[in-house]
Amino acid sequence: MLDPLEIKILSTLLFEETFEHILEDSGEKNKNIVSDVLRTLIVKDLVRVYEKQQERYIPVAHIEPDSFKGQYFRITSKGLKYL
């Protein structure tokens, strides 16, 4: 079972989005809470991490957990089941 913030974040990620976009759309003021929730969703395989290279989004195996700088996030098919 996911909490309301997790559901809200997942619903934001139908397309590749930056952390800043996720933070803004979540309505949560605390950046650290959103960062922790996003990390949890990644670990649960509900969100995948991408980098943009030559106008294409390429999945990556690592994340930059302190800033998520230069990374994009999109819901997985597993994550869609929770919406």
N, C-alpha and C. Protein backbone atom coordinates (compact mmCIF):
# COMPACT_ATOMS: atom_id res chain seq x y z
N MET A 1 0.84 -1.18 0.00
CA MET A 1 0.00 0.00 0.00
C MET A 1 0.88 1.25 0.00
N LEU A 2 0.54 2.19 -0.81
CA LEU A 2 1.31 3.43 -0.91
C LEU A 2 0.59 4.55 -0.19
N ASP A 3 1.38 5.50 0.34
CA ASP A 3 0.76 6.64 1.01
C ASP A 3 0.39 7.70 -0.03
N PRO A 4 -0.40 8.71 0.38
CA PRO A 4 -0.86 9.72 -0.59
C PRO A 4 0.25 10.46 -1.33
N LEU A 5 1.37 10.76 -0.65
CA LEU A 5 2.47 11.44 -1.33
C LEU A 5 3.10 10.55 -2.39
N GLU A 6 3.25 9.27 -2.10
CA GLU A 6 3.80 8.34 -3.10
C GLU A 6 2.89 8.28 -4.33
N ILE A 7 1.59 8.21 -4.11
CA ILE A 7 0.64 8.18 -5.22
C ILE A 7 0.71 9.48 -6.03
N LYS A 8 0.80 10.60 -5.34
CA LYS A 8 0.87 11.89 -6.02
C LYS A 8 2.13 11.98 -6.89
N ILE A 9 3.26 11.52 -6.35
CA ILE A 9 4.51 11.54 -7.11
C ILE A 9 4.41 10.61 -8.32
N LEU A 10 3.89 9.41 -8.13
CA LEU A 10 3.74 8.48 -9.25
C LEU A 10 2.88 9.09 -10.36
N SER A 11 1.81 9.75 -9.98
CA SER A 11 0.90 10.30 -10.98
C SER A 11 1.54 11.45 -11.77
N THR A 12 2.60 12.03 -11.24
CA THR A 12 3.34 13.09 -11.91
C THR A 12 4.27 12.54 -12.99
N LEU A 13 4.57 11.25 -12.93
CA LEU A 13 5.66 10.69 -13.73
C LEU A 13 5.21 9.87 -14.94
N LEU A 14 4.16 10.29 -15.60
CA LEU A 14 3.74 9.58 -16.81
C LEU A 14 4.73 9.80 -17.95
N PHE A 15 5.45 10.90 -17.88
CA PHE A 15 6.54 11.20 -18.82
C PHE A 15 7.78 11.49 -18.00
N GLU A 16 8.93 11.54 -18.63
CA GLU A 16 10.17 11.83 -17.92
C GLU A 16 10.10 13.23 -17.32
N GLU A 17 10.36 13.33 -16.03
CA GLU A 17 10.29 14.60 -15.33
C GLU A 17 11.53 14.80 -14.46
N THR A 18 11.88 16.06 -14.26
CA THR A 18 13.01 16.39 -13.38
C THR A 18 12.57 16.36 -11.92
N PHE A 19 13.55 16.30 -11.03
CA PHE A 19 13.25 16.33 -9.60
C PHE A 19 12.54 17.63 -9.23
N GLU A 20 12.96 18.73 -9.81
CA GLU A 20 12.35 20.03 -9.51
C GLU A 20 10.86 20.03 -9.87
N HIS A 21 10.53 19.42 -10.99
CA HIS A 21 9.12 19.32 -11.40
C HIS A 21 8.34 18.46 -10.41
N ILE A 22 8.93 17.34 -10.00
CA ILE A 22 8.28 16.45 -9.05
C ILE A 22 8.04 17.18 -7.73
N LEU A 23 9.06 17.89 -7.26
CA LEU A 23 8.95 18.65 -6.01
C LEU A 23 7.81 19.67 -6.10
N GLU A 24 7.76 20.40 -7.17
CA GLU A 24 6.73 21.42 -7.36
C GLU A 24 5.33 20.81 -7.41
N ASP A 25 5.17 19.74 -8.19
CA ASP A 25 3.85 19.11 -8.34
C ASP A 25 3.39 18.36 -7.10
N SER A 26 4.34 17.94 -6.27
CA SER A 26 3.97 17.16 -5.08
C SER A 26 3.24 18.01 -4.04
N GLY A 27 3.53 19.31 -4.03
CA GLY A 27 2.95 20.18 -3.02
C GLY A 27 3.65 20.10 -1.68
N GLU A 28 4.62 19.21 -1.57
CA GLU A 28 5.39 19.06 -0.34
C GLU A 28 6.50 20.11 -0.31
N LYS A 29 6.61 20.82 0.79
CA LYS A 29 7.60 21.90 0.92
C LYS A 29 9.00 21.37 1.23
N ASN A 30 9.06 20.21 1.89
CA ASN A 30 10.34 19.67 2.33
C ASN A 30 10.98 18.83 1.22
N LYS A 31 12.04 19.35 0.65
CA LYS A 31 12.77 18.69 -0.45
C LYS A 31 13.27 17.30 -0.03
N ASN A 32 13.70 17.17 1.23
CA ASN A 32 14.24 15.90 1.71
C ASN A 32 13.18 14.80 1.76
N ILE A 33 11.97 15.16 2.11
CA ILE A 33 10.89 14.17 2.15
C ILE A 33 10.60 13.66 0.75
N VAL A 34 10.51 14.56 -0.21
CA VAL A 34 10.24 14.16 -1.60
C VAL A 34 11.39 13.31 -2.12
N SER A 35 12.61 13.68 -1.80
CA SER A 35 13.78 12.92 -2.22
C SER A 35 13.74 11.50 -1.64
N ASP A 36 13.39 11.37 -0.36
CA ASP A 36 13.31 10.05 0.27
C ASP A 36 12.21 9.20 -0.34
N VAL A 37 11.06 9.81 -0.60
CA VAL A 37 9.95 9.07 -1.21
C VAL A 37 10.33 8.62 -2.62
N LEU A 38 10.97 9.48 -3.37
CA LEU A 38 11.39 9.13 -4.72
C LEU A 38 12.39 7.97 -4.70
N ARG A 39 13.35 8.03 -3.78
CA ARG A 39 14.31 6.92 -3.64
C ARG A 39 13.60 5.61 -3.32
N THR A 40 12.62 5.67 -2.43
CA THR A 40 11.86 4.47 -2.07
C THR A 40 11.12 3.91 -3.28
N LEU A 41 10.52 4.78 -4.08
CA LEU A 41 9.81 4.33 -5.28
C LEU A 41 10.76 3.71 -6.29
N ILE A 42 11.96 4.21 -6.36
CA ILE A 42 12.97 3.64 -7.26
C ILE A 42 13.36 2.24 -6.78
N VAL A 43 13.62 2.11 -5.49
CA VAL A 43 14.00 0.81 -4.92
C VAL A 43 12.89 -0.22 -5.12
N LYS A 44 11.64 0.21 -5.01
CA LYS A 44 10.50 -0.69 -5.20
C LYS A 44 10.23 -0.98 -6.68
N ASP A 45 11.03 -0.42 -7.58
CA ASP A 45 10.89 -0.58 -9.02
C ASP A 45 9.58 0.00 -9.54
N LEU A 46 9.12 1.08 -8.91
CA LEU A 46 7.91 1.76 -9.35
C LEU A 46 8.26 2.98 -10.20
N VAL A 47 9.52 3.40 -10.12
CA VAL A 47 10.04 4.54 -10.89
C VAL A 47 11.39 4.16 -11.46
N ARG A 48 11.64 4.58 -12.69
CA ARG A 48 12.93 4.34 -13.34
C ARG A 48 13.63 5.67 -13.55
N VAL A 49 14.97 5.65 -13.49
CA VAL A 49 15.81 6.84 -13.64
C VAL A 49 16.39 6.88 -15.05
N TYR A 50 16.38 8.09 -15.64
CA TYR A 50 16.89 8.29 -16.99
C TYR A 50 17.83 9.48 -17.04
N GLU A 51 18.68 9.49 -18.05
CA GLU A 51 19.48 10.67 -18.39
C GLU A 51 19.15 11.02 -19.83
N LYS A 52 19.19 12.30 -20.14
CA LYS A 52 18.89 12.75 -21.49
C LYS A 52 20.19 12.85 -22.27
N GLN A 53 20.23 12.14 -23.41
CA GLN A 53 21.40 12.16 -24.28
C GLN A 53 20.92 12.34 -25.71
N GLN A 54 21.30 13.45 -26.31
CA GLN A 54 20.94 13.75 -27.69
C GLN A 54 19.43 13.60 -27.93
N GLU A 55 18.65 14.26 -27.10
CA GLU A 55 17.18 14.29 -27.21
C GLU A 55 16.51 12.93 -26.97
N ARG A 56 17.24 11.98 -26.40
CA ARG A 56 16.67 10.67 -26.06
C ARG A 56 16.87 10.43 -24.57
N TYR A 57 15.94 9.73 -23.97
CA TYR A 57 16.05 9.36 -22.56
C TYR A 57 16.59 7.94 -22.46
N ILE A 58 17.72 7.82 -21.78
CA ILE A 58 18.41 6.54 -21.65
C ILE A 58 18.32 6.10 -20.18
N PRO A 59 17.83 4.86 -19.91
CA PRO A 59 17.79 4.38 -18.53
C PRO A 59 19.21 4.28 -17.95
N VAL A 60 19.34 4.61 -16.68
CA VAL A 60 20.64 4.52 -16.02
C VAL A 60 20.53 3.59 -14.81
N ALA A 61 21.65 3.02 -14.45
CA ALA A 61 21.68 2.08 -13.32
C ALA A 61 21.99 2.78 -12.01
N HIS A 62 22.50 4.00 -12.08
CA HIS A 62 22.88 4.71 -10.85
C HIS A 62 22.06 5.99 -10.71
N ILE A 63 21.99 6.47 -9.49
CA ILE A 63 21.30 7.74 -9.28
C ILE A 63 22.23 8.68 -8.53
N GLU A 64 21.94 9.95 -8.64
CA GLU A 64 22.65 10.98 -7.89
C GLU A 64 21.74 11.38 -6.74
N PRO A 65 21.80 10.66 -5.63
CA PRO A 65 20.80 10.84 -4.58
C PRO A 65 20.81 12.18 -3.87
N ASP A 66 21.92 12.89 -3.90
CA ASP A 66 21.96 14.16 -3.19
C ASP A 66 21.23 15.27 -3.92
N SER A 67 21.25 15.25 -5.24
CA SER A 67 20.63 16.34 -5.97
C SER A 67 19.73 15.86 -7.11
N PHE A 68 19.91 14.64 -7.56
CA PHE A 68 19.21 14.11 -8.74
C PHE A 68 19.46 15.00 -9.95
N LYS A 69 20.56 15.75 -9.92
CA LYS A 69 20.88 16.69 -10.99
C LYS A 69 21.12 15.95 -12.31
N GLY A 70 20.49 16.46 -13.36
CA GLY A 70 20.66 15.89 -14.69
C GLY A 70 19.92 14.59 -14.91
N GLN A 71 19.07 14.21 -13.96
CA GLN A 71 18.35 12.96 -14.10
C GLN A 71 16.85 13.21 -14.24
N TYR A 72 16.21 12.27 -14.89
CA TYR A 72 14.77 12.33 -15.14
C TYR A 72 14.14 11.06 -14.59
N PHE A 73 12.87 11.13 -14.28
CA PHE A 73 12.19 10.01 -13.64
C PHE A 73 10.87 9.75 -14.34
N ARG A 74 10.54 8.45 -14.49
CA ARG A 74 9.28 8.06 -15.12
C ARG A 74 8.75 6.82 -14.42
N ILE A 75 7.45 6.75 -14.31
CA ILE A 75 6.80 5.62 -13.68
C ILE A 75 7.04 4.36 -14.53
N THR A 76 7.16 3.21 -13.87
CA THR A 76 7.29 1.93 -14.57
C THR A 76 5.91 1.31 -14.75
N SER A 77 5.84 0.24 -15.51
CA SER A 77 4.56 -0.46 -15.66
C SER A 77 4.08 -1.00 -14.32
N LYS A 78 5.01 -1.42 -13.48
CA LYS A 78 4.66 -1.87 -12.12
C LYS A 78 4.05 -0.73 -11.33
N GLY A 79 4.61 0.46 -11.46
CA GLY A 79 4.11 1.63 -10.76
C GLY A 79 2.73 2.05 -11.24
N LEU A 80 2.45 1.85 -12.52
CA LEU A 80 1.14 2.21 -13.08
C LEU A 80 0.00 1.43 -12.41
N LYS A 81 0.30 0.26 -11.92
CA LYS A 81 -0.73 -0.57 -11.26
C LYS A 81 -1.24 0.06 -9.98
N TYR A 82 -0.48 1.00 -9.43
CA TYR A 82 -0.90 1.66 -8.19
C TYR A 82 -1.75 2.90 -8.44
N LEU A 83 -1.88 3.30 -9.68
CA LEU A 83 -2.68 4.51 -9.96
C LEU A 83 -4.13 4.20 -10.23
